[in-house]
């Protein structure tokens, strides 16, 4: 399966930005050499729009004294959140299976479980490698015989890192596996939409419960760069895979409440719109025309990085403006990360698509 590692390209983009900024600074103070003010990029903090009321109204209230909120979302299935991160657990007749251990509140998960059942914790499932979602797993290290399930790639990465905050998996698999515990069937399926080492789609059929971390935040646009995906090609298609399941409750791992099928459909629509908009705008933007205009402003064609950066910026500005206009009234936080989403899609469209 082809991977599209965007992180190195993002680093290059940042480097180009630094080079371009330096070149602008060296221009004559008497002329606005190369300086183009964008109504989208470089927005002041006071200019970001408030979070949509529709998103705030769905939020779970988290008692600051408790630090987490746990709610039953289906028969035997509970979601835990601190208002920023989300995890879950399922209670079976043979014990409790926990999905992820966020570093911000993992130490509180055991008490949350004890408040709803006397069943012991038997299994911890890792959805992927990232510390914000499993960096609190050391809170479970004293549980004797704890089974920790993860993809092989995740286990290999954690073995190399040897991070005491992320306990090493005890059971691994490559593609898919079924955990049958106490009359409950839990389907784990590998995906590659987010992290290089692999991601999990978690499905509990009887509960109509689906979990795919770092895909979407219900009611909001995605986090920066489509949730810092390392494989935008697969990210675009993951929503089709999710919608193949029969589910009512969806957990994406972040923000203030679980979602549902409609949230996944909207996330798919948004992602496709960004991709298609960037592809169209990129195709309609004259590369050599932008080079020529920029060269006129900076006095020649010597700074090739700056010329190309300006082309990428022009495409980004135009596409971002369109996305904000269409989506700021539908999803919260669009103006915060729209530019990042467009740049992620642009790297794919320009070099991989």
C-alpha atoms as a PDB file:
ATOM      1  CA  UNK A   1       0.000   0.000   0.000  1.00  0.00           C
ATOM      2  CA  UNK A   2       1.532   3.316  -1.010  1.00  0.00           C
ATOM      3  CA  UNK A   3       2.191   5.779   1.792  1.00  0.00           C
ATOM      4  CA  UNK A   4       2.379   9.523   1.344  1.00  0.00           C
ATOM      5  CA  UNK A   5       4.605  10.824   4.132  1.00  0.00           C
ATOM      6  CA  UNK A   6       3.618  14.459   4.465  1.00  0.00           C
ATOM      7  CA  UNK A   7       5.643  15.393   7.516  1.00  0.00           C
ATOM      8  CA  UNK A   8       8.957  15.870   5.686  1.00  0.00           C
ATOM      9  CA  UNK A   9       7.222  17.982   3.066  1.00  0.00           C
ATOM     10  CA  UNK A  10       5.648  20.110   5.778  1.00  0.00           C
ATOM     11  CA  UNK A  11       9.081  20.649   7.291  1.00  0.00           C
ATOM     12  CA  UNK A  12      10.345  21.744   3.877  1.00  0.00           C
ATOM     13  CA  UNK A  13       7.433  24.138   3.546  1.00  0.00           C
ATOM     14  CA  UNK A  14       8.296  25.709   6.911  1.00  0.00           C
ATOM     15  CA  UNK A  15      11.911  26.037   5.801  1.00  0.00           C
ATOM     16  CA  UNK A  16      10.826  27.731   2.588  1.00  0.00           C
ATOM     17  CA  UNK A  17       8.725  30.120   4.609  1.00  0.00           C
ATOM     18  CA  UNK A  18      11.763  31.078   6.658  1.00  0.00           C
ATOM     19  CA  UNK A  19      13.846  31.646   3.523  1.00  0.00           C
ATOM     20  CA  UNK A  20      11.099  33.737   1.950  1.00  0.00           C
ATOM     21  CA  UNK A  21      10.644  35.833   5.083  1.00  0.00           C
ATOM     22  CA  UNK A  22      14.372  36.514   5.182  1.00  0.00           C
ATOM     23  CA  UNK A  23      14.367  37.617   1.562  1.00  0.00           C
ATOM     24  CA  UNK A  24      11.470  39.985   2.157  1.00  0.00           C
ATOM     25  CA  UNK A  25      13.243  41.482   5.159  1.00  0.00           C
ATOM     26  CA  UNK A  26      16.300  42.234   3.010  1.00  0.00           C
ATOM     27  CA  UNK A  27      14.279  44.197   0.461  1.00  0.00           C
ATOM     28  CA  UNK A  28      14.359  47.962   0.257  1.00  0.00           C
ATOM     29  CA  UNK A  29      12.473  49.724   3.052  1.00  0.00           C
ATOM     30  CA  UNK A  30      11.214  52.221   0.489  1.00  0.00           C
ATOM     31  CA  UNK A  31       9.272  49.639  -1.470  1.00  0.00           C
ATOM     32  CA  UNK A  32       6.838  46.876  -0.538  1.00  0.00           C
ATOM     33  CA  UNK A  33       9.089  44.296  -2.175  1.00  0.00           C
ATOM     34  CA  UNK A  34       7.346  40.932  -2.290  1.00  0.00           C
ATOM     35  CA  UNK A  35       4.993  41.765   0.568  1.00  0.00           C
ATOM     36  CA  UNK A  36       1.420  40.645  -0.064  1.00  0.00           C
ATOM     37  CA  UNK A  37      -1.089  40.978   2.761  1.00  0.00           C
ATOM     38  CA  UNK A  38      -3.526  38.075   2.803  1.00  0.00           C
ATOM     39  CA  UNK A  39      -6.986  38.349   4.365  1.00  0.00           C
ATOM     40  CA  UNK A  40      -6.678  34.663   5.329  1.00  0.00           C
ATOM     41  CA  UNK A  41      -3.070  33.965   6.330  1.00  0.00           C
ATOM     42  CA  UNK A  42      -1.719  35.793   9.356  1.00  0.00           C
ATOM     43  CA  UNK A  43      -5.098  36.500  10.948  1.00  0.00           C
ATOM     44  CA  UNK A  44      -5.011  38.202  14.350  1.00  0.00           C
ATOM     45  CA  UNK A  45      -6.311  36.211  17.330  1.00  0.00           C
ATOM     46  CA  UNK A  46      -9.213  38.601  17.829  1.00  0.00           C
ATOM     47  CA  UNK A  47     -10.388  37.944  14.286  1.00  0.00           C
ATOM     48  CA  UNK A  48     -11.141  34.223  14.718  1.00  0.00           C
ATOM     49  CA  UNK A  49     -14.852  33.519  14.941  1.00  0.00           C
ATOM     50  CA  UNK A  50     -16.444  32.098  18.119  1.00  0.00           C
ATOM     51  CA  UNK A  51     -17.207  28.381  18.317  1.00  0.00           C
ATOM     52  CA  UNK A  52     -20.569  27.598  16.727  1.00  0.00           C
ATOM     53  CA  UNK A  53     -23.482  27.355  19.130  1.00  0.00           C
ATOM     54  CA  UNK A  54     -24.470  24.056  17.526  1.00  0.00           C
ATOM     55  CA  UNK A  55     -21.152  22.551  18.660  1.00  0.00           C
ATOM     56  CA  UNK A  56     -21.268  24.017  22.149  1.00  0.00           C
ATOM     57  CA  UNK A  57     -24.801  22.758  22.741  1.00  0.00           C
ATOM     58  CA  UNK A  58     -23.673  19.141  22.191  1.00  0.00           C
ATOM     59  CA  UNK A  59     -20.703  19.349  24.547  1.00  0.00           C
ATOM     60  CA  UNK A  60     -20.519  17.125  27.619  1.00  0.00           C
ATOM     61  CA  UNK A  61     -20.013  19.131  30.780  1.00  0.00           C
ATOM     62  CA  UNK A  62     -16.835  18.040  32.562  1.00  0.00           C
ATOM     63  CA  UNK A  63     -16.701  18.820  36.283  1.00  0.00           C
ATOM     64  CA  UNK A  64     -13.342  20.563  36.799  1.00  0.00           C
ATOM     65  CA  UNK A  65     -13.011  18.873  40.188  1.00  0.00           C
ATOM     66  CA  UNK A  66     -13.381  15.437  38.616  1.00  0.00           C
ATOM     67  CA  UNK A  67     -11.446  16.237  35.471  1.00  0.00           C
ATOM     68  CA  UNK A  68     -13.303  13.646  33.377  1.00  0.00           C
ATOM     69  CA  UNK A  69     -16.810  12.732  32.360  1.00  0.00           C
ATOM     70  CA  UNK A  70     -17.883   9.131  31.791  1.00  0.00           C
ATOM     71  CA  UNK A  71     -21.172   8.217  30.156  1.00  0.00           C
ATOM     72  CA  UNK A  72     -22.808   5.030  28.999  1.00  0.00           C
ATOM     73  CA  UNK A  73     -23.379   5.266  25.242  1.00  0.00           C
ATOM     74  CA  UNK A  74     -24.599   1.716  24.559  1.00  0.00           C
ATOM     75  CA  UNK A  75     -25.192  -1.528  26.441  1.00  0.00           C
ATOM     76  CA  UNK A  76     -21.988  -2.105  28.391  1.00  0.00           C
ATOM     77  CA  UNK A  77     -20.055   0.562  26.465  1.00  0.00           C
ATOM     78  CA  UNK A  78     -18.796   3.759  28.096  1.00  0.00           C
ATOM     79  CA  UNK A  79     -16.959   6.803  26.750  1.00  0.00           C
ATOM     80  CA  UNK A  80     -14.541   8.815  28.901  1.00  0.00           C
ATOM     81  CA  UNK A  81     -13.444  12.387  28.108  1.00  0.00           C
ATOM     82  CA  UNK A  82     -11.736  15.341  29.718  1.00  0.00           C
ATOM     83  CA  UNK A  83     -13.256  17.653  27.131  1.00  0.00           C
ATOM     84  CA  UNK A  84     -10.261  17.419  24.783  1.00  0.00           C
ATOM     85  CA  UNK A  85      -9.367  13.714  24.513  1.00  0.00           C
ATOM     86  CA  UNK A  86     -11.633  10.665  24.428  1.00  0.00           C
ATOM     87  CA  UNK A  87     -11.242   6.987  25.253  1.00  0.00           C
ATOM     88  CA  UNK A  88     -13.709   4.169  25.916  1.00  0.00           C
ATOM     89  CA  UNK A  89     -14.237   0.866  27.670  1.00  0.00           C
ATOM     90  CA  UNK A  90     -16.624  -2.053  27.361  1.00  0.00           C
ATOM     91  CA  UNK A  91     -17.809  -4.160  30.288  1.00  0.00           C
ATOM     92  CA  UNK A  92     -18.216  -7.875  29.551  1.00  0.00           C
ATOM     93  CA  UNK A  93     -18.960 -10.920  31.690  1.00  0.00           C
ATOM     94  CA  UNK A  94     -15.266 -11.825  31.401  1.00  0.00           C
ATOM     95  CA  UNK A  95     -13.799  -8.455  32.315  1.00  0.00           C
ATOM     96  CA  UNK A  96     -13.320  -4.914  31.043  1.00  0.00           C
ATOM     97  CA  UNK A  97     -11.593  -3.967  27.785  1.00  0.00           C
ATOM     98  CA  UNK A  98     -10.179  -0.436  27.672  1.00  0.00           C
ATOM     99  CA  UNK A  99      -9.523   1.425  24.421  1.00  0.00           C
ATOM    100  CA  UNK A 100      -6.607   3.870  24.738  1.00  0.00           C
ATOM    101  CA  UNK A 101      -5.135   5.556  27.803  1.00  0.00           C
ATOM    102  CA  UNK A 102      -4.723   9.307  27.165  1.00  0.00           C
ATOM    103  CA  UNK A 103      -1.800  10.834  29.010  1.00  0.00           C
ATOM    104  CA  UNK A 104      -3.969  13.645  30.400  1.00  0.00           C
ATOM    105  CA  UNK A 105      -6.355  11.442  32.388  1.00  0.00           C
ATOM    106  CA  UNK A 106      -5.441   7.750  32.164  1.00  0.00           C
ATOM    107  CA  UNK A 107      -4.762   7.687  35.900  1.00  0.00           C
ATOM    108  CA  UNK A 108      -8.481   8.358  36.464  1.00  0.00           C
ATOM    109  CA  UNK A 109      -9.850   5.669  34.151  1.00  0.00           C
ATOM    110  CA  UNK A 110      -9.640   2.841  36.689  1.00  0.00           C
ATOM    111  CA  UNK A 111     -11.755   4.763  39.188  1.00  0.00           C
ATOM    112  CA  UNK A 112     -14.287   5.547  36.452  1.00  0.00           C
ATOM    113  CA  UNK A 113     -14.536   1.841  35.647  1.00  0.00           C
ATOM    114  CA  UNK A 114     -14.847   0.870  39.307  1.00  0.00           C
ATOM    115  CA  UNK A 115     -17.793   3.265  39.610  1.00  0.00           C
ATOM    116  CA  UNK A 116     -19.850   1.239  37.111  1.00  0.00           C
ATOM    117  CA  UNK A 117     -18.676  -2.370  37.503  1.00  0.00           C
ATOM    118  CA  UNK A 118     -16.791  -4.803  39.719  1.00  0.00           C
ATOM    119  CA  UNK A 119     -15.390  -6.608  36.722  1.00  0.00           C
ATOM    120  CA  UNK A 120     -11.575  -6.469  36.517  1.00  0.00           C
ATOM    121  CA  UNK A 121      -9.661  -4.796  33.715  1.00  0.00           C
ATOM    122  CA  UNK A 122      -8.256  -7.559  31.531  1.00  0.00           C
ATOM    123  CA  UNK A 123      -7.337  -5.896  28.240  1.00  0.00           C
ATOM    124  CA  UNK A 124      -5.992  -2.585  26.958  1.00  0.00           C
ATOM    125  CA  UNK A 125      -6.205  -1.854  23.236  1.00  0.00           C
ATOM    126  CA  UNK A 126      -3.966   0.711  21.537  1.00  0.00           C
ATOM    127  CA  UNK A 127      -5.485   2.446  18.515  1.00  0.00           C
ATOM    128  CA  UNK A 128      -2.115   3.861  17.378  1.00  0.00           C
ATOM    129  CA  UNK A 129       1.256   5.050  18.716  1.00  0.00           C
ATOM    130  CA  UNK A 130       0.661   8.675  19.624  1.00  0.00           C
ATOM    131  CA  UNK A 131       1.504   9.673  23.180  1.00  0.00           C
ATOM    132  CA  UNK A 132      -1.542  11.850  23.645  1.00  0.00           C
ATOM    133  CA  UNK A 133      -3.760   8.753  23.295  1.00  0.00           C
ATOM    134  CA  UNK A 134      -1.708   6.006  24.958  1.00  0.00           C
ATOM    135  CA  UNK A 135       0.913   7.935  26.925  1.00  0.00           C
ATOM    136  CA  UNK A 136      -0.929   7.279  30.178  1.00  0.00           C
ATOM    137  CA  UNK A 137      -0.907   3.490  29.924  1.00  0.00           C
ATOM    138  CA  UNK A 138       1.672   3.193  32.733  1.00  0.00           C
ATOM    139  CA  UNK A 139      -1.286   3.783  35.048  1.00  0.00           C
ATOM    140  CA  UNK A 140      -2.221   0.139  34.309  1.00  0.00           C
ATOM    141  CA  UNK A 141       1.216  -1.396  34.811  1.00  0.00           C
ATOM    142  CA  UNK A 142       0.375  -3.041  38.152  1.00  0.00           C
ATOM    143  CA  UNK A 143      -2.538  -5.057  36.715  1.00  0.00           C
ATOM    144  CA  UNK A 144      -1.359  -8.664  36.698  1.00  0.00           C
ATOM    145  CA  UNK A 145      -1.839 -10.505  33.433  1.00  0.00           C
ATOM    146  CA  UNK A 146      -2.972  -7.391  31.583  1.00  0.00           C
ATOM    147  CA  UNK A 147      -3.241  -8.075  27.864  1.00  0.00           C
ATOM    148  CA  UNK A 148      -2.189  -5.142  25.687  1.00  0.00           C
ATOM    149  CA  UNK A 149      -3.342  -5.473  22.071  1.00  0.00           C
ATOM    150  CA  UNK A 150      -1.854  -3.491  19.196  1.00  0.00           C
ATOM    151  CA  UNK A 151      -0.871  -3.656  15.564  1.00  0.00           C
ATOM    152  CA  UNK A 152       2.541  -5.177  14.849  1.00  0.00           C
ATOM    153  CA  UNK A 153       3.843  -1.861  13.547  1.00  0.00           C
ATOM    154  CA  UNK A 154       2.761  -0.121  16.727  1.00  0.00           C
ATOM    155  CA  UNK A 155       4.442  -2.758  18.888  1.00  0.00           C
ATOM    156  CA  UNK A 156       7.683  -2.519  16.911  1.00  0.00           C
ATOM    157  CA  UNK A 157       7.744   1.255  17.236  1.00  0.00           C
ATOM    158  CA  UNK A 158       7.103   1.145  20.982  1.00  0.00           C
ATOM    159  CA  UNK A 159       9.794  -1.505  21.447  1.00  0.00           C
ATOM    160  CA  UNK A 160      12.265   0.802  19.727  1.00  0.00           C
ATOM    161  CA  UNK A 161      11.217   3.850  21.757  1.00  0.00           C
ATOM    162  CA  UNK A 162      11.226   1.936  25.050  1.00  0.00           C
ATOM    163  CA  UNK A 163       9.045   4.634  26.571  1.00  0.00           C
ATOM    164  CA  UNK A 164       8.029   3.804  30.168  1.00  0.00           C
ATOM    165  CA  UNK A 165       4.868   5.891  29.739  1.00  0.00           C
ATOM    166  CA  UNK A 166       3.635   3.589  26.958  1.00  0.00           C
ATOM    167  CA  UNK A 167       3.518  -0.036  28.070  1.00  0.00           C
ATOM    168  CA  UNK A 168       4.678  -2.534  25.462  1.00  0.00           C
ATOM    169  CA  UNK A 169       1.983  -4.631  23.759  1.00  0.00           C
ATOM    170  CA  UNK A 170       1.682  -8.302  24.686  1.00  0.00           C
ATOM    171  CA  UNK A 171      -0.422  -9.349  21.696  1.00  0.00           C
ATOM    172  CA  UNK A 172      -0.026  -8.138  18.138  1.00  0.00           C
ATOM    173  CA  UNK A 173      -1.653  -8.634  14.749  1.00  0.00           C
ATOM    174  CA  UNK A 174      -1.229  -7.306  11.226  1.00  0.00           C
ATOM    175  CA  UNK A 175      -4.626  -6.941   9.584  1.00  0.00           C
ATOM    176  CA  UNK A 176      -7.659  -7.759  11.707  1.00  0.00           C
ATOM    177  CA  UNK A 177      -8.611  -9.707  14.787  1.00  0.00           C
ATOM    178  CA  UNK A 178     -11.755 -10.432  16.794  1.00  0.00           C
ATOM    179  CA  UNK A 179     -11.771 -10.259  20.577  1.00  0.00           C
ATOM    180  CA  UNK A 180     -14.591 -12.447  21.901  1.00  0.00           C
ATOM    181  CA  UNK A 181     -14.992 -11.742  25.605  1.00  0.00           C
ATOM    182  CA  UNK A 182     -17.882 -12.644  27.861  1.00  0.00           C
ATOM    183  CA  UNK A 183     -20.435 -12.739  25.065  1.00  0.00           C
ATOM    184  CA  UNK A 184     -19.164  -9.519  23.466  1.00  0.00           C
ATOM    185  CA  UNK A 185     -17.601  -9.432  20.017  1.00  0.00           C
ATOM    186  CA  UNK A 186     -15.059  -6.688  19.352  1.00  0.00           C
ATOM    187  CA  UNK A 187     -13.713  -6.331  15.821  1.00  0.00           C
ATOM    188  CA  UNK A 188     -10.316  -4.669  15.346  1.00  0.00           C
ATOM    189  CA  UNK A 189      -9.279  -3.733  11.802  1.00  0.00           C
ATOM    190  CA  UNK A 190      -6.049  -2.139  10.607  1.00  0.00           C
ATOM    191  CA  UNK A 191      -6.129   1.125   8.673  1.00  0.00           C
ATOM    192  CA  UNK A 192      -3.490   3.592   7.479  1.00  0.00           C
ATOM    193  CA  UNK A 193      -5.183   6.991   7.410  1.00  0.00           C
ATOM    194  CA  UNK A 194      -3.202   8.708  10.135  1.00  0.00           C
ATOM    195  CA  UNK A 195       0.055   7.317  11.552  1.00  0.00           C
ATOM    196  CA  UNK A 196       2.791   5.495   9.666  1.00  0.00           C
ATOM    197  CA  UNK A 197       2.745   2.536  12.053  1.00  0.00           C
ATOM    198  CA  UNK A 198      -0.972   1.946  11.533  1.00  0.00           C
ATOM    199  CA  UNK A 199      -4.340   2.830  13.016  1.00  0.00           C
ATOM    200  CA  UNK A 200      -7.233   0.747  14.327  1.00  0.00           C
ATOM    201  CA  UNK A 201     -10.900   0.826  13.531  1.00  0.00           C
ATOM    202  CA  UNK A 202     -12.749  -0.583  16.546  1.00  0.00           C
ATOM    203  CA  UNK A 203     -16.258  -1.951  16.124  1.00  0.00           C
ATOM    204  CA  UNK A 204     -18.652  -3.533  18.621  1.00  0.00           C
ATOM    205  CA  UNK A 205     -21.568  -4.860  16.534  1.00  0.00           C
ATOM    206  CA  UNK A 206     -24.121  -5.496  19.281  1.00  0.00           C
ATOM    207  CA  UNK A 207     -23.595  -1.981  20.635  1.00  0.00           C
ATOM    208  CA  UNK A 208     -23.529  -0.358  17.166  1.00  0.00           C
ATOM    209  CA  UNK A 209     -20.373   1.372  18.398  1.00  0.00           C
ATOM    210  CA  UNK A 210     -17.535   2.522  16.134  1.00  0.00           C
ATOM    211  CA  UNK A 211     -14.204   4.084  17.077  1.00  0.00           C
ATOM    212  CA  UNK A 212     -11.522   5.503  14.750  1.00  0.00           C
ATOM    213  CA  UNK A 213      -9.198   7.867  16.545  1.00  0.00           C
ATOM    214  CA  UNK A 214      -7.959  11.061  14.892  1.00  0.00           C
ATOM    215  CA  UNK A 215     -10.394  11.008  12.011  1.00  0.00           C
ATOM    216  CA  UNK A 216     -12.841  13.730  13.043  1.00  0.00           C
ATOM    217  CA  UNK A 217     -14.191  15.758  15.944  1.00  0.00           C
ATOM    218  CA  UNK A 218     -18.000  15.816  15.696  1.00  0.00           C
ATOM    219  CA  UNK A 219     -19.313  19.304  15.034  1.00  0.00           C
ATOM    220  CA  UNK A 220     -15.845  20.658  14.269  1.00  0.00           C
ATOM    221  CA  UNK A 221     -13.450  20.730  11.379  1.00  0.00           C
ATOM    222  CA  UNK A 222     -10.466  18.403  11.756  1.00  0.00           C
ATOM    223  CA  UNK A 223      -7.389  19.276  13.794  1.00  0.00           C
ATOM    224  CA  UNK A 224      -4.395  20.773  11.966  1.00  0.00           C
ATOM    225  CA  UNK A 225      -3.536  19.210   8.610  1.00  0.00           C
ATOM    226  CA  UNK A 226      -6.429  16.733   8.711  1.00  0.00           C
ATOM    227  CA  UNK A 227      -5.406  15.604  12.174  1.00  0.00           C
ATOM    228  CA  UNK A 228      -1.705  15.576  11.226  1.00  0.00           C
ATOM    229  CA  UNK A 229      -2.251  12.701   8.837  1.00  0.00           C
ATOM    230  CA  UNK A 230       0.865  11.114   7.377  1.00  0.00           C
ATOM    231  CA  UNK A 231      -1.192   9.624   4.537  1.00  0.00           C
ATOM    232  CA  UNK A 232      -3.710  12.017   3.045  1.00  0.00           C
ATOM    233  CA  UNK A 233      -4.465   9.576   0.226  1.00  0.00           C
ATOM    234  CA  UNK A 234      -5.860   7.066   2.731  1.00  0.00           C
ATOM    235  CA  UNK A 235      -7.439   9.766   4.895  1.00  0.00           C
ATOM    236  CA  UNK A 236      -9.644  10.874   2.006  1.00  0.00           C
ATOM    237  CA  UNK A 237     -10.998   7.333   1.721  1.00  0.00           C
ATOM    238  CA  UNK A 238     -11.290   6.336   5.386  1.00  0.00           C
ATOM    239  CA  UNK A 239     -14.774   7.807   5.703  1.00  0.00           C
ATOM    240  CA  UNK A 240     -16.079   5.434   3.054  1.00  0.00           C
ATOM    241  CA  UNK A 241     -14.657   2.561   5.090  1.00  0.00           C
ATOM    242  CA  UNK A 242     -16.276   3.853   8.281  1.00  0.00           C
ATOM    243  CA  UNK A 243     -19.664   4.238   6.637  1.00  0.00           C
ATOM    244  CA  UNK A 244     -19.613   0.574   5.651  1.00  0.00           C
ATOM    245  CA  UNK A 245     -20.273  -0.225   9.320  1.00  0.00           C
ATOM    246  CA  UNK A 246     -23.699  -0.231  10.948  1.00  0.00           C
ATOM    247  CA  UNK A 247     -23.293   2.147  13.898  1.00  0.00           C
ATOM    248  CA  UNK A 248     -25.064   4.778  15.955  1.00  0.00           C
ATOM    249  CA  UNK A 249     -22.223   5.995  18.189  1.00  0.00           C
ATOM    250  CA  UNK A 250     -18.887   7.190  16.851  1.00  0.00           C
ATOM    251  CA  UNK A 251     -15.764   8.096  18.838  1.00  0.00           C
ATOM    252  CA  UNK A 252     -13.062  10.073  17.049  1.00  0.00           C
ATOM    253  CA  UNK A 253     -10.808  10.672  20.033  1.00  0.00           C
ATOM    254  CA  UNK A 254     -11.103  14.411  20.512  1.00  0.00           C
ATOM    255  CA  UNK A 255     -13.183  17.219  21.908  1.00  0.00           C
ATOM    256  CA  UNK A 256     -16.389  17.316  23.754  1.00  0.00           C
ATOM    257  CA  UNK A 257     -18.766  14.478  22.857  1.00  0.00           C
ATOM    258  CA  UNK A 258     -19.155  11.351  20.706  1.00  0.00           C
ATOM    259  CA  UNK A 259     -20.652  11.596  17.259  1.00  0.00           C
ATOM    260  CA  UNK A 260     -22.949   9.649  14.977  1.00  0.00           C
ATOM    261  CA  UNK A 261     -23.282   8.573  11.365  1.00  0.00           C
ATOM    262  CA  UNK A 262     -24.249  12.065  10.217  1.00  0.00           C
ATOM    263  CA  UNK A 263     -21.020  13.464  11.681  1.00  0.00           C
ATOM    264  CA  UNK A 264     -18.961  10.993   9.649  1.00  0.00           C
ATOM    265  CA  UNK A 265     -20.886  11.893   6.503  1.00  0.00           C
ATOM    266  CA  UNK A 266     -20.253  15.613   7.057  1.00  0.00           C
ATOM    267  CA  UNK A 267     -16.542  14.989   7.694  1.00  0.00           C
ATOM    268  CA  UNK A 268     -16.357  13.078   4.421  1.00  0.00           C
ATOM    269  CA  UNK A 269     -18.074  15.930   2.594  1.00  0.00           C
ATOM    270  CA  UNK A 270     -15.682  18.489   4.076  1.00  0.00           C
ATOM    271  CA  UNK A 271     -12.574  16.458   3.253  1.00  0.00           C
ATOM    272  CA  UNK A 272     -13.665  15.883  -0.320  1.00  0.00           C
ATOM    273  CA  UNK A 273     -14.518  19.555  -0.726  1.00  0.00           C
ATOM    274  CA  UNK A 274     -11.062  20.631   0.424  1.00  0.00           C
ATOM    275  CA  UNK A 275      -9.377  18.114  -1.870  1.00  0.00           C
ATOM    276  CA  UNK A 276     -11.483  18.993  -4.911  1.00  0.00           C
ATOM    277  CA  UNK A 277     -11.180  22.734  -4.289  1.00  0.00           C
ATOM    278  CA  UNK A 278      -7.411  22.581  -3.975  1.00  0.00           C
ATOM    279  CA  UNK A 279      -7.133  20.432  -7.084  1.00  0.00           C
ATOM    280  CA  UNK A 280      -9.251  22.866  -9.097  1.00  0.00           C
ATOM    281  CA  UNK A 281      -7.541  26.022  -7.825  1.00  0.00           C
ATOM    282  CA  UNK A 282      -4.098  24.501  -8.342  1.00  0.00           C
ATOM    283  CA  UNK A 283      -4.999  23.570 -11.902  1.00  0.00           C
ATOM    284  CA  UNK A 284      -6.315  27.055 -12.619  1.00  0.00           C
ATOM    285  CA  UNK A 285      -3.328  28.935 -11.182  1.00  0.00           C
ATOM    286  CA  UNK A 286      -0.652  29.829 -13.736  1.00  0.00           C
ATOM    287  CA  UNK A 287       2.688  28.719 -12.251  1.00  0.00           C
ATOM    288  CA  UNK A 288       4.881  30.719 -14.620  1.00  0.00           C
ATOM    289  CA  UNK A 289       2.551  33.695 -14.365  1.00  0.00           C
ATOM    290  CA  UNK A 290       2.988  33.810 -10.590  1.00  0.00           C
ATOM    291  CA  UNK A 291       6.739  33.336 -11.032  1.00  0.00           C
ATOM    292  CA  UNK A 292       6.845  36.311 -13.381  1.00  0.00           C
ATOM    293  CA  UNK A 293       4.777  38.602 -11.143  1.00  0.00           C
ATOM    294  CA  UNK A 294       6.860  37.668  -8.113  1.00  0.00           C
ATOM    295  CA  UNK A 295      10.136  38.109  -9.979  1.00  0.00           C
ATOM    296  CA  UNK A 296       9.040  41.604 -10.939  1.00  0.00           C
ATOM    297  CA  UNK A 297       8.458  42.446  -7.282  1.00  0.00           C
ATOM    298  CA  UNK A 298      11.731  41.028  -5.980  1.00  0.00           C
ATOM    299  CA  UNK A 299      13.934  42.089  -8.862  1.00  0.00           C
ATOM    300  CA  UNK A 300      14.622  38.860 -10.682  1.00  0.00           C
ATOM    301  CA  UNK A 301      14.418  35.080 -10.773  1.00  0.00           C
ATOM    302  CA  UNK A 302      17.404  34.263  -8.553  1.00  0.00           C
ATOM    303  CA  UNK A 303      15.416  33.258  -5.453  1.00  0.00           C
ATOM    304  CA  UNK A 304      13.804  30.128  -6.851  1.00  0.00           C
ATOM    305  CA  UNK A 305      12.540  28.990  -3.435  1.00  0.00           C
ATOM    306  CA  UNK A 306      10.738  32.275  -2.937  1.00  0.00           C
ATOM    307  CA  UNK A 307       9.181  32.124  -6.393  1.00  0.00           C
ATOM    308  CA  UNK A 308       7.791  28.665  -5.768  1.00  0.00           C
ATOM    309  CA  UNK A 309       6.686  29.521  -2.261  1.00  0.00           C
ATOM    310  CA  UNK A 310       4.674  32.395  -3.649  1.00  0.00           C
ATOM    311  CA  UNK A 311       2.938  30.052  -6.088  1.00  0.00           C
ATOM    312  CA  UNK A 312       2.023  27.674  -3.256  1.00  0.00           C
ATOM    313  CA  UNK A 313       0.836  30.620  -1.169  1.00  0.00           C
ATOM    314  CA  UNK A 314      -1.370  31.945  -3.966  1.00  0.00           C
ATOM    315  CA  UNK A 315      -3.078  28.558  -4.368  1.00  0.00           C
ATOM    316  CA  UNK A 316      -3.430  28.258  -0.583  1.00  0.00           C
ATOM    317  CA  UNK A 317      -4.926  31.720  -0.188  1.00  0.00           C
ATOM    318  CA  UNK A 318      -7.495  31.222  -2.929  1.00  0.00           C
ATOM    319  CA  UNK A 319      -8.552  27.737  -1.831  1.00  0.00           C
ATOM    320  CA  UNK A 320      -8.661  28.668   1.868  1.00  0.00           C
ATOM    321  CA  UNK A 321     -10.935  31.623   1.160  1.00  0.00           C
ATOM    322  CA  UNK A 322     -13.381  29.338  -0.652  1.00  0.00           C
ATOM    323  CA  UNK A 323     -13.382  26.703   2.086  1.00  0.00           C
ATOM    324  CA  UNK A 324     -13.938  29.258   4.831  1.00  0.00           C
ATOM    325  CA  UNK A 325     -16.802  30.842   2.947  1.00  0.00           C
ATOM    326  CA  UNK A 326     -18.600  27.522   2.520  1.00  0.00           C
ATOM    327  CA  UNK A 327     -17.898  25.883   5.874  1.00  0.00           C
ATOM    328  CA  UNK A 328     -17.589  28.423   8.685  1.00  0.00           C
ATOM    329  CA  UNK A 329     -21.322  28.290   9.330  1.00  0.00           C
ATOM    330  CA  UNK A 330     -21.455  24.477   9.301  1.00  0.00           C
ATOM    331  CA  UNK A 331     -18.503  23.290  11.392  1.00  0.00           C
ATOM    332  CA  UNK A 332     -16.713  24.923  14.306  1.00  0.00           C
ATOM    333  CA  UNK A 333     -13.059  25.927  14.120  1.00  0.00           C
ATOM    334  CA  UNK A 334     -12.877  26.055  10.340  1.00  0.00           C
ATOM    335  CA  UNK A 335     -11.006  29.367  10.277  1.00  0.00           C
ATOM    336  CA  UNK A 336      -8.457  28.026  12.771  1.00  0.00           C
ATOM    337  CA  UNK A 337      -7.103  25.215  10.586  1.00  0.00           C
ATOM    338  CA  UNK A 338      -8.507  25.731   7.072  1.00  0.00           C
ATOM    339  CA  UNK A 339      -5.152  26.953   5.777  1.00  0.00           C
ATOM    340  CA  UNK A 340      -3.389  23.892   7.238  1.00  0.00           C
ATOM    341  CA  UNK A 341      -5.909  21.555   5.631  1.00  0.00           C
ATOM    342  CA  UNK A 342      -5.455  23.248   2.280  1.00  0.00           C
ATOM    343  CA  UNK A 343      -1.661  22.995   2.504  1.00  0.00           C
ATOM    344  CA  UNK A 344      -1.888  19.297   3.359  1.00  0.00           C
ATOM    345  CA  UNK A 345      -4.154  18.684   0.380  1.00  0.00           C
ATOM    346  CA  UNK A 346      -1.914  20.838  -1.823  1.00  0.00           C
ATOM    347  CA  UNK A 347       1.163  18.725  -1.091  1.00  0.00           C
ATOM    348  CA  UNK A 348      -0.825  15.675  -2.175  1.00  0.00           C
ATOM    349  CA  UNK A 349      -2.367  17.291  -5.258  1.00  0.00           C
ATOM    350  CA  UNK A 350       0.902  18.835  -6.413  1.00  0.00           C
ATOM    351  CA  UNK A 351       3.179  15.818  -5.951  1.00  0.00           C
ATOM    352  CA  UNK A 352       1.193  12.616  -5.417  1.00  0.00           C
ATOM    353  CA  UNK A 353      -2.277  12.822  -6.887  1.00  0.00           C
END
